Amino acid sequence: MSLPDSLTVYAPASMGNVGVGFDLLGAALAPIDGSLLGDTVTITHADAGVHLQQQGVWAHKLPDSPQQNIVFQCAEFFLQRFAVKGGVSLILSKNLPVGSGLGSSASSVVAALFALNEFFGKPCSPQQLLALMGEFEGRISGSVHYDNVAPCYLGGMQLMLDLPQRICEPIPAFEQWYWVVAYPGISLSTAKMRALMPTQYERPVVIDFGRNLSAFVHASYRQDEALAIAVLKDVLAEPYRAPAIPGYEQARAALAELGMMTTGISGSGPTLFSICRDLPTAELAKDWLEQHYLTETGGFSHICRLDNLGARVLPQGQY
């Protein structure tokens, strides 16, 4: 089998938790304007070792030393693990802000490992590759959880099982929904946002969490929109994280008045997501968020559907 001279992989942004499913639910995002919201990695052959170039609008937020970049570490591990002869040159285009709640580190990890696996003839099975993605993303976030890497890699909405050989399974999406996402321009550490949450919960809260998540999954299979919206609420993280995200609670109230069906925190924030089923309402929400929620340079808002493709090799010229 002949191997390619070069290829470029795109890995989409993702929402961890999706509100109702803390650490257990995730979804990939695709802006409806056709733009690519996610990182890319381009890979070519090199004589020896790993060579990494960092570019893109958020490259200035990455470590100055390429050796400290998770993409470099993925490549170094991959070459050693599979006894690859020669080396690789990688170009990371960092298009997602760090600490945004959009799966920034997951996007880099997924793009890197997917590209390496494709480039060297797929030595890893999909489940093996996903396990590696979780391990490397966990080095940044502080613990292994798949709610960003799984949808980023596989696309759609994914429910985490974390069973041997069955890390996750897709669940049906509501294809009519528009997901408006807004990143205000500030960064929040995932580890610090996790530290805001209690170490123990009262029994009624745990029961509510289980009820809401199971009802949401049930509603997804039944395509019962009213039930899905009624239970799409976060009882574990949002009560503790919302006050730490400037303007979030005001935005949630304003979006409800505009007709959005529900609003939640994407991952650990500060990005929020808000759902509706018609484009005019989504556009109103996007306009409001751009005027009131985007407070710093680099903030942005997109109207999205779910990205059902996940990570993929881009045709030459698309990047």
Protein backbone atom coordinates (compact mmCIF):
# COMPACT_ATOMS: atom_id res chain seq x y z
CA MET A 1 0.00 0.00 0.00
CA SER A 2 1.45 3.34 -1.04
CA LEU A 3 1.45 6.05 1.59
CA PRO A 4 0.57 9.69 0.82
CA ASP A 5 3.21 12.39 0.46
CA SER A 6 1.14 14.74 2.60
CA LEU A 7 -2.37 15.26 3.92
CA THR A 8 -4.32 17.73 6.02
CA VAL A 9 -6.84 16.69 8.67
CA TYR A 10 -9.59 18.88 10.11
CA ALA A 11 -11.07 18.20 13.57
CA PRO A 12 -14.23 20.17 14.44
CA ALA A 13 -15.05 22.10 17.59
CA SER A 14 -17.16 20.24 20.12
CA MET A 15 -19.45 20.86 23.08
CA GLY A 16 -18.68 18.75 26.12
CA ASN A 17 -21.52 17.88 28.52
CA VAL A 18 -24.21 19.42 26.25
CA GLY A 19 -25.64 20.70 29.53
CA VAL A 20 -27.50 17.59 30.60
CA GLY A 21 -24.72 15.00 30.34
CA PHE A 22 -21.73 16.03 32.45
CA ASP A 23 -18.66 14.14 31.12
CA LEU A 24 -21.06 11.69 29.39
CA LEU A 25 -22.41 13.58 26.39
CA GLY A 26 -20.71 15.53 23.63
CA ALA A 27 -21.51 16.93 20.20
CA ALA A 28 -19.50 18.24 17.24
CA LEU A 29 -20.30 21.60 15.65
CA ALA A 30 -20.53 22.76 12.04
CA PRO A 31 -21.25 26.45 11.25
CA ILE A 32 -24.05 26.73 8.70
CA ASP A 33 -22.03 29.25 6.66
CA GLY A 34 -19.65 26.43 5.68
CA SER A 35 -16.65 27.78 7.58
CA LEU A 36 -14.38 25.35 9.41
CA LEU A 37 -14.55 25.80 13.18
CA GLY A 38 -11.70 23.64 14.37
CA ASP A 39 -7.97 22.92 14.13
CA THR A 40 -6.12 21.42 11.20
CA VAL A 41 -2.90 19.43 11.09
CA THR A 42 -0.87 18.99 7.90
CA ILE A 43 1.64 16.14 7.86
CA THR A 44 4.56 15.38 5.53
CA HIS A 45 7.61 13.12 5.64
CA ALA A 46 10.88 14.19 7.27
CA ASP A 47 14.26 12.50 7.47
CA ALA A 48 14.14 11.98 11.22
CA GLY A 49 12.40 13.16 14.38
CA VAL A 50 9.38 15.41 14.78
CA HIS A 51 9.21 18.92 13.40
CA LEU A 52 6.28 21.16 14.31
CA GLN A 53 5.25 24.55 12.96
CA GLN A 54 2.52 26.44 14.80
CA GLN A 55 0.29 28.90 12.96
CA GLY A 56 -3.28 30.19 13.00
CA VAL A 57 -5.16 32.94 14.81
CA TRP A 58 -4.65 31.37 18.24
CA ALA A 59 -1.08 30.11 17.79
CA HIS A 60 0.20 32.90 20.05
CA LYS A 61 -1.56 31.21 22.97
CA LEU A 62 0.44 27.99 22.54
CA PRO A 63 3.71 27.17 24.33
CA ASP A 64 6.71 28.79 22.63
CA SER A 65 8.57 25.48 22.58
CA PRO A 66 7.08 23.01 20.06
CA GLN A 67 8.17 20.15 22.34
CA GLN A 68 5.62 21.33 24.90
CA ASN A 69 2.78 21.20 22.36
CA ILE A 70 0.47 18.20 22.66
CA VAL A 71 0.62 17.72 18.86
CA PHE A 72 4.39 17.27 19.04
CA GLN A 73 3.96 14.81 21.91
CA CYS A 74 1.34 12.83 19.96
CA ALA A 75 3.71 12.52 17.01
CA GLU A 76 6.71 11.56 19.15
CA PHE A 77 4.68 8.83 20.86
CA PHE A 78 3.24 7.56 17.56
CA LEU A 79 6.66 7.24 15.86
CA GLN A 80 8.05 5.32 18.84
CA ARG A 81 4.99 3.14 19.45
CA PHE A 82 4.77 1.95 15.85
CA ALA A 83 8.51 1.96 15.09
CA VAL A 84 8.09 4.35 12.18
CA LYS A 85 11.21 4.78 10.08
CA GLY A 86 12.13 8.37 9.41
CA GLY A 87 10.30 11.33 10.84
CA VAL A 88 7.43 13.75 10.25
CA SER A 89 6.88 17.44 9.73
CA LEU A 90 3.64 18.81 11.11
CA ILE A 91 1.88 22.14 10.70
CA LEU A 92 -0.74 22.86 13.35
CA SER A 93 -3.21 25.57 12.40
CA LYS A 94 -4.63 26.61 15.77
CA ASN A 95 -8.07 27.97 14.92
CA LEU A 96 -9.83 27.36 18.24
CA PRO A 97 -9.14 29.51 21.29
CA VAL A 98 -7.54 27.84 24.29
CA GLY A 99 -9.77 27.54 27.35
CA SER A 100 -12.92 28.34 25.38
CA GLY A 101 -15.19 25.39 26.17
CA LEU A 102 -15.13 24.33 22.50
CA GLY A 103 -12.81 21.35 22.84
CA SER A 104 -9.69 23.22 21.76
CA SER A 105 -7.18 20.70 23.11
CA ALA A 106 -9.33 17.81 21.87
CA SER A 107 -9.36 19.30 18.38
CA SER A 108 -5.56 19.47 18.26
CA VAL A 109 -5.16 15.94 19.63
CA VAL A 110 -7.78 14.43 17.32
CA ALA A 111 -6.38 16.18 14.24
CA ALA A 112 -2.83 15.06 15.08
CA LEU A 113 -3.56 11.41 15.88
CA PHE A 114 -6.06 11.02 13.03
CA ALA A 115 -3.50 12.49 10.61
CA LEU A 116 -0.69 10.25 11.90
CA ASN A 117 -2.86 7.14 11.70
CA GLU A 118 -3.98 7.92 8.15
CA PHE A 119 -0.49 8.90 7.02
CA PHE A 120 1.14 5.70 8.24
CA GLY A 121 -1.43 3.20 6.99
CA LYS A 122 -3.88 3.03 9.92
CA PRO A 123 -1.99 0.90 12.48
CA CYS A 124 -4.67 1.79 15.06
CA SER A 125 -8.27 0.60 14.97
CA PRO A 126 -10.91 3.31 15.58
CA GLN A 127 -11.36 2.26 19.21
CA GLN A 128 -7.61 2.12 19.82
CA LEU A 129 -7.23 5.55 18.26
CA LEU A 130 -10.05 6.98 20.36
CA ALA A 131 -8.44 5.59 23.53
CA LEU A 132 -5.17 7.31 22.58
CA MET A 133 -7.02 10.56 21.93
CA GLY A 134 -8.59 10.42 25.37
CA GLU A 135 -5.24 9.72 27.01
CA PHE A 136 -3.46 12.64 25.35
CA GLU A 137 -6.32 15.11 25.80
CA GLY A 138 -6.38 14.11 29.46
CA ARG A 139 -2.79 15.30 29.82
CA ILE A 140 -4.05 18.84 29.24
CA SER A 141 -7.45 18.77 30.95
CA GLY A 142 -6.19 16.84 33.96
CA SER A 143 -8.28 13.67 33.60
CA VAL A 144 -9.39 11.29 30.87
CA HIS A 145 -12.91 11.99 29.66
CA TYR A 146 -14.12 11.53 26.12
CA ASP A 147 -16.98 14.00 25.76
CA ASN A 148 -14.90 16.26 23.50
CA VAL A 149 -12.56 13.86 21.69
CA ALA A 150 -15.30 11.34 20.81
CA PRO A 151 -17.63 13.71 18.92
CA CYS A 152 -14.65 15.60 17.47
CA TYR A 153 -13.32 12.31 16.04
CA LEU A 154 -16.57 10.53 15.19
CA GLY A 155 -19.00 13.42 14.64
CA GLY A 156 -22.61 13.89 15.71
CA MET A 157 -23.74 13.48 19.30
CA GLN A 158 -21.97 10.80 21.31
CA LEU A 159 -22.89 9.14 24.60
CA MET A 160 -19.89 7.97 26.63
CA LEU A 161 -19.99 4.34 27.76
CA ASP A 162 -16.32 3.89 28.71
CA LEU A 163 -16.57 0.12 28.39
CA PRO A 164 -13.82 -2.12 27.01
CA GLN A 165 -13.98 -1.84 23.21
CA ARG A 166 -17.06 0.44 23.46
CA ILE A 167 -15.95 3.84 24.58
CA CYS A 168 -18.99 5.64 23.18
CA GLU A 169 -22.08 5.24 21.03
CA PRO A 170 -23.88 7.77 18.81
CA ILE A 171 -27.38 8.90 19.69
CA PRO A 172 -29.86 10.49 17.27
CA ALA A 173 -29.78 14.27 16.98
CA PHE A 174 -32.63 16.69 16.41
CA GLU A 175 -31.73 17.67 12.87
CA GLN A 176 -34.10 20.66 12.94
CA TRP A 177 -32.23 22.37 15.76
CA TYR A 178 -29.95 25.34 15.28
CA TRP A 179 -27.16 25.60 17.86
CA VAL A 180 -26.03 29.18 18.39
CA VAL A 181 -22.63 29.26 20.09
CA ALA A 182 -20.85 32.34 21.39
CA TYR A 183 -17.30 32.65 22.73
CA PRO A 184 -16.84 35.99 24.58
CA GLY A 185 -13.08 36.20 24.09
CA ILE A 186 -11.84 35.22 27.54
CA SER A 187 -10.18 31.94 28.55
CA LEU A 188 -11.17 29.79 31.49
CA SER A 189 -9.09 26.86 32.72
CA THR A 190 -10.96 23.55 32.65
CA ALA A 191 -9.18 22.49 35.84
CA LYS A 192 -10.16 25.70 37.65
CA MET A 193 -13.77 25.42 36.47
CA ARG A 194 -13.90 21.83 37.73
CA ALA A 195 -12.56 23.01 41.08
CA LEU A 196 -15.67 25.19 41.50
CA MET A 197 -17.86 22.10 41.69
CA PRO A 198 -18.49 20.28 44.98
CA THR A 199 -16.77 16.98 45.64
CA GLN A 200 -20.04 15.44 46.85
CA TYR A 201 -23.71 15.92 45.91
CA GLU A 202 -26.94 15.40 47.78
CA ARG A 203 -28.96 12.37 46.71
CA PRO A 204 -31.83 14.39 45.11
CA VAL A 205 -29.32 16.15 42.82
CA VAL A 206 -27.85 12.83 41.70
CA ILE A 207 -31.33 11.47 41.02
CA ASP A 208 -32.21 14.58 39.01
CA PHE A 209 -29.03 14.19 36.95
CA GLY A 210 -29.76 10.55 36.15
CA ARG A 211 -33.41 11.30 35.36
CA ASN A 212 -32.60 14.20 33.06
CA LEU A 213 -29.86 12.43 31.11
CA SER A 214 -31.80 9.20 30.65
CA ALA A 215 -34.91 11.16 29.63
CA PHE A 216 -32.88 13.17 27.12
CA VAL A 217 -31.47 10.02 25.53
CA HIS A 218 -34.97 8.49 25.45
CA ALA A 219 -36.36 11.67 23.87
CA SER A 220 -33.59 11.65 21.28
CA TYR A 221 -34.55 8.17 20.11
CA ARG A 222 -38.24 9.05 20.16
CA GLN A 223 -37.56 12.43 18.54
CA ASP A 224 -39.69 13.98 21.25
CA GLU A 225 -38.49 17.56 21.07
CA ALA A 226 -40.63 18.89 23.91
CA LEU A 227 -39.32 16.26 26.33
CA ALA A 228 -35.73 16.78 25.22
CA ILE A 229 -35.90 20.53 25.84
CA ALA A 230 -37.69 20.07 29.17
CA VAL A 231 -34.88 17.92 30.58
CA LEU A 232 -31.90 19.55 28.86
CA LYS A 233 -30.65 21.18 32.03
CA ASP A 234 -27.42 20.98 34.00
CA VAL A 235 -27.85 20.31 37.73
CA LEU A 236 -24.23 19.31 38.40
CA ALA A 237 -21.97 22.02 36.98
CA GLU A 238 -23.92 25.09 35.84
CA PRO A 239 -25.15 26.19 39.29
CA TYR A 240 -21.50 26.54 40.36
CA ARG A 241 -19.90 27.65 37.09
CA ALA A 242 -22.45 30.19 35.84
CA PRO A 243 -21.47 32.96 38.31
CA ALA A 244 -17.84 32.61 37.19
CA ILE A 245 -18.68 33.35 33.54
CA PRO A 246 -19.15 37.10 33.05
CA GLY A 247 -22.52 37.93 31.51
CA TYR A 248 -23.72 34.32 31.19
CA GLU A 249 -26.80 34.55 33.41
CA GLN A 250 -27.91 37.80 31.77
CA ALA A 251 -27.41 36.25 28.33
CA ARG A 252 -29.43 33.17 29.24
CA ALA A 253 -32.37 35.37 30.34
CA ALA A 254 -32.17 37.58 27.25
CA LEU A 255 -32.00 34.60 24.89
CA ALA A 256 -35.12 33.10 26.48
CA GLU A 257 -36.95 36.38 25.81
CA LEU A 258 -35.85 36.22 22.17
CA GLY A 259 -37.48 32.80 21.82
CA MET A 260 -34.52 30.43 22.24
CA MET A 261 -35.71 27.11 23.67
CA THR A 262 -32.84 26.56 26.10
CA THR A 263 -29.33 27.80 26.82
CA GLY A 264 -26.37 26.11 28.47
CA ILE A 265 -22.61 26.21 29.01
CA SER A 266 -20.45 24.53 26.38
CA GLY A 267 -17.97 22.35 28.24
CA SER A 268 -16.61 24.31 31.18
CA GLY A 269 -17.23 27.66 29.46
CA PRO A 270 -17.06 30.52 28.78
CA THR A 271 -18.68 29.59 25.44
CA LEU A 272 -22.44 29.18 25.69
CA PHE A 273 -24.83 27.31 23.41
CA SER A 274 -28.47 28.15 22.78
CA ILE A 275 -31.00 26.12 20.81
CA CYS A 276 -33.90 27.01 18.54
CA ARG A 277 -35.59 25.46 15.53
CA ASP A 278 -35.89 28.41 13.13
CA LEU A 279 -33.20 30.47 11.45
CA PRO A 280 -34.67 33.97 12.06
CA THR A 281 -34.64 33.36 15.83
CA ALA A 282 -31.09 31.99 15.62
CA GLU A 283 -30.00 35.12 13.77
CA LEU A 284 -31.60 37.36 16.41
CA ALA A 285 -29.76 35.42 19.11
CA LYS A 286 -26.45 35.65 17.27
CA ASP A 287 -26.87 39.42 16.84
CA TRP A 288 -27.70 39.90 20.53
CA LEU A 289 -24.72 37.83 21.61
CA GLU A 290 -22.36 39.73 19.33
CA GLN A 291 -23.53 43.01 20.82
CA HIS A 292 -23.71 42.00 24.49
CA TYR A 293 -21.79 38.76 25.23
CA LEU A 294 -18.64 39.17 23.13
CA THR A 295 -16.54 41.40 25.35
CA GLU A 296 -12.94 40.81 24.26
CA THR A 297 -10.95 40.83 21.02
CA GLY A 298 -11.22 37.44 19.35
CA GLY A 299 -14.75 36.68 20.54
CA PHE A 300 -17.10 35.16 17.99
CA SER A 301 -20.55 33.67 17.49
CA HIS A 302 -21.75 31.05 15.00
CA ILE A 303 -25.05 29.49 14.04
CA CYS A 304 -24.37 25.78 13.79
CA ARG A 305 -25.83 22.42 13.06
CA LEU A 306 -24.18 19.30 14.42
CA ASP A 307 -21.17 18.13 12.45
CA ASN A 308 -21.96 14.55 11.49
CA LEU A 309 -18.62 13.92 9.75
CA GLY A 310 -16.17 14.40 12.61
CA ALA A 311 -12.46 14.43 11.83
CA ARG A 312 -11.63 14.07 8.16
CA VAL A 313 -8.93 14.49 5.55
CA LEU A 314 -9.52 17.73 3.67
CA PRO A 315 -9.39 17.86 -0.11
CA GLN A 316 -6.36 19.75 -1.32
CA GLY A 317 -7.16 23.45 -1.59
CA GLN A 318 -9.93 23.47 1.04
CA TYR A 319 -7.53 24.68 3.70
